């Protein structure tokens, strides 16, 4: 979510949304940008291409057979 507070002009909101879409079109990862709401909020989604944060800093717990996670020390 991006908050463009006090952007009242519809033309300005459309220009910003268009610029975001154009800039993100060069990104290899699929991104979807929704129009700016009446409250000045832009919602964006981006396809995850890597593992999540939990998976990158933990290992599967052998005691509970994979139902839990052990977080690596020192992180």
PDB file of N, CA and C in Angstrom:
ATOM      1  N   UNK A   1       0.839  -1.167   0.000  1.00  0.00           N
ATOM      2  CA  UNK A   1       0.000   0.000   0.000  1.00  0.00           C
ATOM      3  C   UNK A   1       0.894   1.243   0.000  1.00  0.00           C
ATOM      4  N   UNK A   2       0.507   2.185  -0.813  1.00  0.00           N
ATOM      5  CA  UNK A   2       1.184   3.482  -0.852  1.00  0.00           C
ATOM      6  C   UNK A   2       0.130   4.540  -0.608  1.00  0.00           C
ATOM      7  N   UNK A   3       0.407   5.479   0.283  1.00  0.00           N
ATOM      8  CA  UNK A   3      -0.550   6.526   0.628  1.00  0.00           C
ATOM      9  C   UNK A   3      -0.140   7.837  -0.024  1.00  0.00           C
ATOM     10  N   UNK A   4      -0.929   8.282  -0.988  1.00  0.00           N
ATOM     11  CA  UNK A   4      -0.724   9.586  -1.617  1.00  0.00           C
ATOM     12  C   UNK A   4      -1.729  10.549  -1.004  1.00  0.00           C
ATOM     13  N   UNK A   5      -1.443  10.957   0.228  1.00  0.00           N
ATOM     14  CA  UNK A   5      -2.361  11.785   0.982  1.00  0.00           C
ATOM     15  C   UNK A   5      -2.563  13.138   0.292  1.00  0.00           C
ATOM     16  N   UNK A   6      -3.774  13.617   0.335  1.00  0.00           N
ATOM     17  CA  UNK A   6      -4.159  14.935  -0.197  1.00  0.00           C
ATOM     18  C   UNK A   6      -4.018  15.063  -1.707  1.00  0.00           C
ATOM     19  N   UNK A   7      -3.998  13.976  -2.450  1.00  0.00           N
ATOM     20  CA  UNK A   7      -3.978  14.065  -3.906  1.00  0.00           C
ATOM     21  C   UNK A   7      -5.433  14.059  -4.370  1.00  0.00           C
ATOM     22  N   UNK A   8      -5.971  15.230  -4.560  1.00  0.00           N
ATOM     23  CA  UNK A   8      -7.392  15.364  -4.844  1.00  0.00           C
ATOM     24  C   UNK A   8      -7.722  15.311  -6.332  1.00  0.00           C
ATOM     25  N   UNK A   9      -6.811  15.726  -7.175  1.00  0.00           N
ATOM     26  CA  UNK A   9      -7.072  15.778  -8.610  1.00  0.00           C
ATOM     27  C   UNK A   9      -7.100  14.374  -9.217  1.00  0.00           C
ATOM     28  N   UNK A  10      -8.220  14.045  -9.873  1.00  0.00           N
ATOM     29  CA  UNK A  10      -8.351  12.739 -10.514  1.00  0.00           C
ATOM     30  C   UNK A  10      -7.297  12.571 -11.607  1.00  0.00           C
ATOM     31  N   UNK A  11      -7.013  13.635 -12.338  1.00  0.00           N
ATOM     32  CA  UNK A  11      -6.002  13.579 -13.400  1.00  0.00           C
ATOM     33  C   UNK A  11      -4.629  13.252 -12.826  1.00  0.00           C
ATOM     34  N   UNK A  12      -4.303  13.846 -11.676  1.00  0.00           N
ATOM     35  CA  UNK A  12      -3.023  13.555 -11.029  1.00  0.00           C
ATOM     36  C   UNK A  12      -2.967  12.116 -10.540  1.00  0.00           C
ATOM     37  N   UNK A  13      -4.078  11.611  -9.969  1.00  0.00           N
ATOM     38  CA  UNK A  13      -4.109  10.221  -9.503  1.00  0.00           C
ATOM     39  C   UNK A  13      -3.899   9.264 -10.673  1.00  0.00           C
ATOM     40  N   UNK A  14      -4.560   9.540 -11.800  1.00  0.00           N
ATOM     41  CA  UNK A  14      -4.404   8.688 -12.980  1.00  0.00           C
ATOM     42  C   UNK A  14      -2.990   8.754 -13.533  1.00  0.00           C
ATOM     43  N   UNK A  15      -2.377   9.935 -13.511  1.00  0.00           N
ATOM     44  CA  UNK A  15      -1.006  10.091 -14.006  1.00  0.00           C
ATOM     45  C   UNK A  15      -0.019   9.312 -13.136  1.00  0.00           C
ATOM     46  N   UNK A  16      -0.223   9.351 -11.825  1.00  0.00           N
ATOM     47  CA  UNK A  16       0.663   8.620 -10.914  1.00  0.00           C
ATOM     48  C   UNK A  16       0.508   7.121 -11.125  1.00  0.00           C
ATOM     49  N   UNK A  17      -0.723   6.633 -11.213  1.00  0.00           N
ATOM     50  CA  UNK A  17      -0.958   5.203 -11.430  1.00  0.00           C
ATOM     51  C   UNK A  17      -0.345   4.757 -12.754  1.00  0.00           C
ATOM     52  N   UNK A  18      -0.485   5.565 -13.778  1.00  0.00           N
ATOM     53  CA  UNK A  18       0.095   5.241 -15.086  1.00  0.00           C
ATOM     54  C   UNK A  18       1.618   5.194 -15.016  1.00  0.00           C
ATOM     55  N   UNK A  19       2.217   6.150 -14.319  1.00  0.00           N
ATOM     56  CA  UNK A  19       3.677   6.182 -14.175  1.00  0.00           C
ATOM     57  C   UNK A  19       4.176   4.966 -13.398  1.00  0.00           C
ATOM     58  N   UNK A  20       3.449   4.562 -12.361  1.00  0.00           N
ATOM     59  CA  UNK A  20       3.835   3.367 -11.606  1.00  0.00           C
ATOM     60  C   UNK A  20       3.779   2.132 -12.495  1.00  0.00           C
ATOM     61  N   UNK A  21       2.689   1.984 -13.235  1.00  0.00           N
ATOM     62  CA  UNK A  21       2.559   0.829 -14.127  1.00  0.00           C
ATOM     63  C   UNK A  21       3.671   0.803 -15.175  1.00  0.00           C
ATOM     64  N   UNK A  22       3.968   1.968 -15.743  1.00  0.00           N
ATOM     65  CA  UNK A  22       5.003   2.041 -16.770  1.00  0.00           C
ATOM     66  C   UNK A  22       6.373   1.691 -16.189  1.00  0.00           C
ATOM     67  N   UNK A  23       6.689   2.219 -15.021  1.00  0.00           N
ATOM     68  CA  UNK A  23       7.988   1.940 -14.396  1.00  0.00           C
ATOM     69  C   UNK A  23       8.101   0.462 -14.031  1.00  0.00           C
ATOM     70  N   UNK A  24       7.017  -0.129 -13.547  1.00  0.00           N
ATOM     71  CA  UNK A  24       7.047  -1.531 -13.139  1.00  0.00           C
ATOM     72  C   UNK A  24       6.974  -2.491 -14.307  1.00  0.00           C
ATOM     73  N   UNK A  25       6.612  -2.005 -15.481  1.00  0.00           N
ATOM     74  CA  UNK A  25       6.533  -2.887 -16.649  1.00  0.00           C
ATOM     75  C   UNK A  25       7.905  -3.426 -17.045  1.00  0.00           C
ATOM     76  N   UNK A  26       8.972  -2.755 -16.644  1.00  0.00           N
ATOM     77  CA  UNK A  26      10.331  -3.201 -16.942  1.00  0.00           C
ATOM     78  C   UNK A  26      10.807  -4.284 -15.985  1.00  0.00           C
ATOM     79  N   UNK A  27      10.086  -4.462 -14.868  1.00  0.00           N
ATOM     80  CA  UNK A  27      10.452  -5.468 -13.870  1.00  0.00           C
ATOM     81  C   UNK A  27      10.110  -6.858 -14.384  1.00  0.00           C
ATOM     82  N   UNK A  28      11.009  -7.803 -14.187  1.00  0.00           N
ATOM     83  CA  UNK A  28      10.780  -9.178 -14.641  1.00  0.00           C
ATOM     84  C   UNK A  28       9.667  -9.859 -13.845  1.00  0.00           C
ATOM     85  N   UNK A  29       9.494  -9.445 -12.604  1.00  0.00           N
ATOM     86  CA  UNK A  29       8.480 -10.039 -11.750  1.00  0.00           C
ATOM     87  C   UNK A  29       7.133  -9.388 -12.026  1.00  0.00           C
ATOM     88  N   UNK A  30       6.104 -10.222 -12.174  1.00  0.00           N
ATOM     89  CA  UNK A  30       4.775  -9.702 -12.483  1.00  0.00           C
ATOM     90  C   UNK A  30       4.265  -8.857 -11.317  1.00  0.00           C
ATOM     91  N   UNK A  31       3.868  -7.633 -11.607  1.00  0.00           N
ATOM     92  CA  UNK A  31       3.350  -6.705 -10.606  1.00  0.00           C
ATOM     93  C   UNK A  31       2.026  -6.155 -11.091  1.00  0.00           C
ATOM     94  N   UNK A  32       1.079  -6.034 -10.174  1.00  0.00           N
ATOM     95  CA  UNK A  32      -0.229  -5.473 -10.514  1.00  0.00           C
ATOM     96  C   UNK A  32      -0.435  -4.213  -9.685  1.00  0.00           C
ATOM     97  N   UNK A  33      -0.801  -3.108 -10.346  1.00  0.00           N
ATOM     98  CA  UNK A  33      -1.046  -1.836  -9.679  1.00  0.00           C
ATOM     99  C   UNK A  33      -2.519  -1.489  -9.865  1.00  0.00           C
ATOM    100  N   UNK A  34      -3.206  -1.253  -8.767  1.00  0.00           N
ATOM    101  CA  UNK A  34      -4.617  -0.877  -8.821  1.00  0.00           C
ATOM    102  C   UNK A  34      -4.733   0.646  -8.813  1.00  0.00           C
ATOM    103  N   UNK A  35      -5.858   1.152  -9.287  1.00  0.00           N
ATOM    104  CA  UNK A  35      -6.081   2.598  -9.322  1.00  0.00           C
ATOM    105  C   UNK A  35      -6.046   3.180  -7.910  1.00  0.00           C
ATOM    106  N   UNK A  36      -5.698   4.454  -7.818  1.00  0.00           N
ATOM    107  CA  UNK A  36      -5.663   5.146  -6.536  1.00  0.00           C
ATOM    108  C   UNK A  36      -7.101   5.337  -6.051  1.00  0.00           C
ATOM    109  N   UNK A  37      -7.350   4.954  -4.808  1.00  0.00           N
ATOM    110  CA  UNK A  37      -8.696   5.064  -4.238  1.00  0.00           C
ATOM    111  C   UNK A  37      -9.014   6.518  -3.905  1.00  0.00           C
ATOM    112  N   UNK A  38     -10.263   6.750  -3.530  1.00  0.00           N
ATOM    113  CA  UNK A  38     -10.680   8.094  -3.130  1.00  0.00           C
ATOM    114  C   UNK A  38      -9.942   8.574  -1.883  1.00  0.00           C
ATOM    115  N   UNK A  39      -9.412   7.638  -1.104  1.00  0.00           N
ATOM    116  CA  UNK A  39      -8.645   7.989   0.093  1.00  0.00           C
ATOM    117  C   UNK A  39      -7.172   8.233  -0.221  1.00  0.00           C
ATOM    118  N   UNK A  40      -6.783   8.111  -1.494  1.00  0.00           N
ATOM    119  CA  UNK A  40      -5.404   8.361  -1.896  1.00  0.00           C
ATOM    120  C   UNK A  40      -4.493   7.162  -1.720  1.00  0.00           C
ATOM    121  N   UNK A  41      -5.058   5.945  -1.654  1.00  0.00           N
ATOM    122  CA  UNK A  41      -4.260   4.735  -1.446  1.00  0.00           C
ATOM    123  C   UNK A  41      -4.085   3.969  -2.746  1.00  0.00           C
ATOM    124  N   UNK A  42      -2.864   3.497  -2.992  1.00  0.00           N
ATOM    125  CA  UNK A  42      -2.569   2.637  -4.134  1.00  0.00           C
ATOM    126  C   UNK A  42      -2.236   1.260  -3.582  1.00  0.00           C
ATOM    127  N   UNK A  43      -2.876   0.257  -4.130  1.00  0.00           N
ATOM    128  CA  UNK A  43      -2.595  -1.114  -3.731  1.00  0.00           C
ATOM    129  C   UNK A  43      -1.823  -1.788  -4.856  1.00  0.00           C
ATOM    130  N   UNK A  44      -0.723  -2.459  -4.494  1.00  0.00           N
ATOM    131  CA  UNK A  44       0.115  -3.152  -5.467  1.00  0.00           C
ATOM    132  C   UNK A  44       0.337  -4.572  -4.990  1.00  0.00           C
ATOM    133  N   UNK A  45       0.407  -5.508  -5.935  1.00  0.00           N
ATOM    134  CA  UNK A  45       0.782  -6.872  -5.616  1.00  0.00           C
ATOM    135  C   UNK A  45       1.966  -7.247  -6.489  1.00  0.00           C
ATOM    136  N   UNK A  46       2.830  -8.076  -5.958  1.00  0.00           N
ATOM    137  CA  UNK A  46       4.016  -8.512  -6.691  1.00  0.00           C
ATOM    138  C   UNK A  46       4.196  -9.999  -6.455  1.00  0.00           C
ATOM    139  N   UNK A  47       4.367 -10.750  -7.513  1.00  0.00           N
ATOM    140  CA  UNK A  47       4.509 -12.191  -7.396  1.00  0.00           C
ATOM    141  C   UNK A  47       5.805 -12.518  -6.652  1.00  0.00           C
ATOM    142  N   UNK A  48       5.696 -13.401  -5.675  1.00  0.00           N
ATOM    143  CA  UNK A  48       6.871 -13.819  -4.911  1.00  0.00           C
ATOM    144  C   UNK A  48       7.706 -14.749  -5.780  1.00  0.00           C
ATOM    145  N   UNK A  49       9.008 -14.475  -5.874  1.00  0.00           N
ATOM    146  CA  UNK A  49       9.886 -15.314  -6.688  1.00  0.00           C
ATOM    147  C   UNK A  49      10.884 -16.096  -5.846  1.00  0.00           C
ATOM    148  N   UNK A  50      11.054 -15.706  -4.602  1.00  0.00           N
ATOM    149  CA  UNK A  50      11.984 -16.385  -3.706  1.00  0.00           C
ATOM    150  C   UNK A  50      11.229 -16.939  -2.512  1.00  0.00           C
ATOM    151  N   UNK A  51      11.933 -17.709  -1.702  1.00  0.00           N
ATOM    152  CA  UNK A  51      11.314 -18.218  -0.490  1.00  0.00           C
ATOM    153  C   UNK A  51      10.997 -17.064   0.452  1.00  0.00           C
ATOM    154  N   UNK A  52      10.079 -17.292   1.374  1.00  0.00           N
ATOM    155  CA  UNK A  52       9.697 -16.280   2.334  1.00  0.00           C
ATOM    156  C   UNK A  52      10.745 -16.081   3.406  1.00  0.00           C
ATOM    157  N   UNK A  53      10.552 -15.061   4.218  1.00  0.00           N
ATOM    158  CA  UNK A  53      11.497 -14.734   5.290  1.00  0.00           C
ATOM    159  C   UNK A  53      11.624 -15.889   6.280  1.00  0.00           C
ATOM    160  N   UNK A  54      10.493 -16.477   6.689  1.00  0.00           N
ATOM    161  CA  UNK A  54      10.544 -17.582   7.647  1.00  0.00           C
ATOM    162  C   UNK A  54      11.371 -18.742   7.108  1.00  0.00           C
ATOM    163  N   UNK A  55      11.179 -19.100   5.869  1.00  0.00           N
ATOM    164  CA  UNK A  55      11.921 -20.208   5.282  1.00  0.00           C
ATOM    165  C   UNK A  55      13.404 -19.910   5.156  1.00  0.00           C
ATOM    166  N   UNK A  56      13.761 -18.646   4.939  1.00  0.00           N
ATOM    167  CA  UNK A  56      15.169 -18.305   4.732  1.00  0.00           C
ATOM    168  C   UNK A  56      15.960 -18.226   6.037  1.00  0.00           C
ATOM    169  N   UNK A  57      15.301 -18.069   7.192  1.00  0.00           N
ATOM    170  CA  UNK A  57      16.019 -17.953   8.469  1.00  0.00           C
ATOM    171  C   UNK A  57      15.725 -19.116   9.411  1.00  0.00           C
ATOM    172  N   UNK A  58      15.124 -20.196   8.912  1.00  0.00           N
ATOM    173  CA  UNK A  58      14.784 -21.300   9.797  1.00  0.00           C
ATOM    174  C   UNK A  58      14.989 -22.639   9.102  1.00  0.00           C
ATOM    175  N   UNK A  59      14.951 -23.712   9.903  1.00  0.00           N
ATOM    176  CA  UNK A  59      14.988 -25.068   9.369  1.00  0.00           C
ATOM    177  C   UNK A  59      13.787 -25.817   9.929  1.00  0.00           C
ATOM    178  N   UNK A  60      13.371 -26.874   9.247  1.00  0.00           N
ATOM    179  CA  UNK A  60      12.230 -27.654   9.706  1.00  0.00           C
ATOM    180  C   UNK A  60      12.619 -28.423  10.970  1.00  0.00           C
ATOM    181  N   UNK A  61      11.744 -28.424  11.943  1.00  0.00           N
ATOM    182  CA  UNK A  61      11.981 -29.082  13.236  1.00  0.00           C
ATOM    183  C   UNK A  61      11.823 -30.590  13.096  1.00  0.00           C
ATOM    184  N   UNK A  62      12.864 -31.346  13.480  1.00  0.00           N
ATOM    185  CA  UNK A  62      12.814 -32.803  13.426  1.00  0.00           C
ATOM    186  C   UNK A  62      11.980 -33.397  14.562  1.00  0.00           C
ATOM    187  N   UNK A  63      11.864 -32.678  15.676  1.00  0.00           N
ATOM    188  CA  UNK A  63      11.124 -33.175  16.840  1.00  0.00           C
ATOM    189  C   UNK A  63       9.625 -33.257  16.533  1.00  0.00           C
ATOM    190  N   UNK A  64       9.089 -32.250  15.878  1.00  0.00           N
ATOM    191  CA  UNK A  64       7.648 -32.227  15.593  1.00  0.00           C
ATOM    192  C   UNK A  64       7.349 -32.655  14.153  1.00  0.00           C
ATOM    193  N   UNK A  65       8.339 -33.196  13.484  1.00  0.00           N
ATOM    194  CA  UNK A  65       8.191 -33.726  12.124  1.00  0.00           C
ATOM    195  C   UNK A  65       7.714 -32.687  11.119  1.00  0.00           C
ATOM    196  N   UNK A  66       8.258 -31.490  11.230  1.00  0.00           N
ATOM    197  CA  UNK A  66       7.990 -30.478  10.228  1.00  0.00           C
ATOM    198  C   UNK A  66       6.791 -29.596  10.484  1.00  0.00           C
ATOM    199  N   UNK A  67       6.132 -29.732  11.629  1.00  0.00           N
ATOM    200  CA  UNK A  67       4.986 -28.872  11.924  1.00  0.00           C
ATOM    201  C   UNK A  67       5.425 -27.543  12.532  1.00  0.00           C
ATOM    202  N   UNK A  68       6.671 -27.440  12.916  1.00  0.00           N
ATOM    203  CA  UNK A  68       7.188 -26.224  13.523  1.00  0.00           C
ATOM    204  C   UNK A  68       8.507 -25.839  12.878  1.00  0.00           C
ATOM    205  N   UNK A  69       9.128 -24.784  13.375  1.00  0.00           N
ATOM    206  CA  UNK A  69      10.380 -24.296  12.812  1.00  0.00           C
ATOM    207  C   UNK A  69      11.352 -23.987  13.933  1.00  0.00           C
ATOM    208  N   UNK A  70      12.632 -24.187  13.662  1.00  0.00           N
ATOM    209  CA  UNK A  70      13.702 -23.779  14.558  1.00  0.00           C
ATOM    210  C   UNK A  70      14.389 -22.584  13.916  1.00  0.00           C
ATOM    211  N   UNK A  71      14.373 -21.444  14.599  1.00  0.00           N
ATOM    212  CA  UNK A  71      15.006 -20.243  14.069  1.00  0.00           C
ATOM    213  C   UNK A  71      16.489 -20.311  14.355  1.00  0.00           C
ATOM    214  N   UNK A  72      17.303 -19.978  13.372  1.00  0.00           N
ATOM    215  CA  UNK A  72      18.743 -20.039  13.510  1.00  0.00           C
ATOM    216  C   UNK A  72      19.217 -18.991  14.493  1.00  0.00           C
ATOM    217  N   UNK A  73      20.150 -19.362  15.353  1.00  0.00           N
ATOM    218  CA  UNK A  73      20.688 -18.453  16.367  1.00  0.00           C
ATOM    219  C   UNK A  73      21.488 -17.336  15.714  1.00  0.00           C
ATOM    220  N   UNK A  74      21.470 -16.164  16.315  1.00  0.00           N
ATOM    221  CA  UNK A  74      22.288 -15.053  15.854  1.00  0.00           C
ATOM    222  C   UNK A  74      21.622 -14.196  14.788  1.00  0.00           C
ATOM    223  N   UNK A  75      20.362 -14.409  14.505  1.00  0.00           N
ATOM    224  CA  UNK A  75      19.687 -13.579  13.506  1.00  0.00           C
ATOM    225  C   UNK A  75      18.835 -12.537  14.122  1.00  0.00           C
TER     226      UNK A  75
END
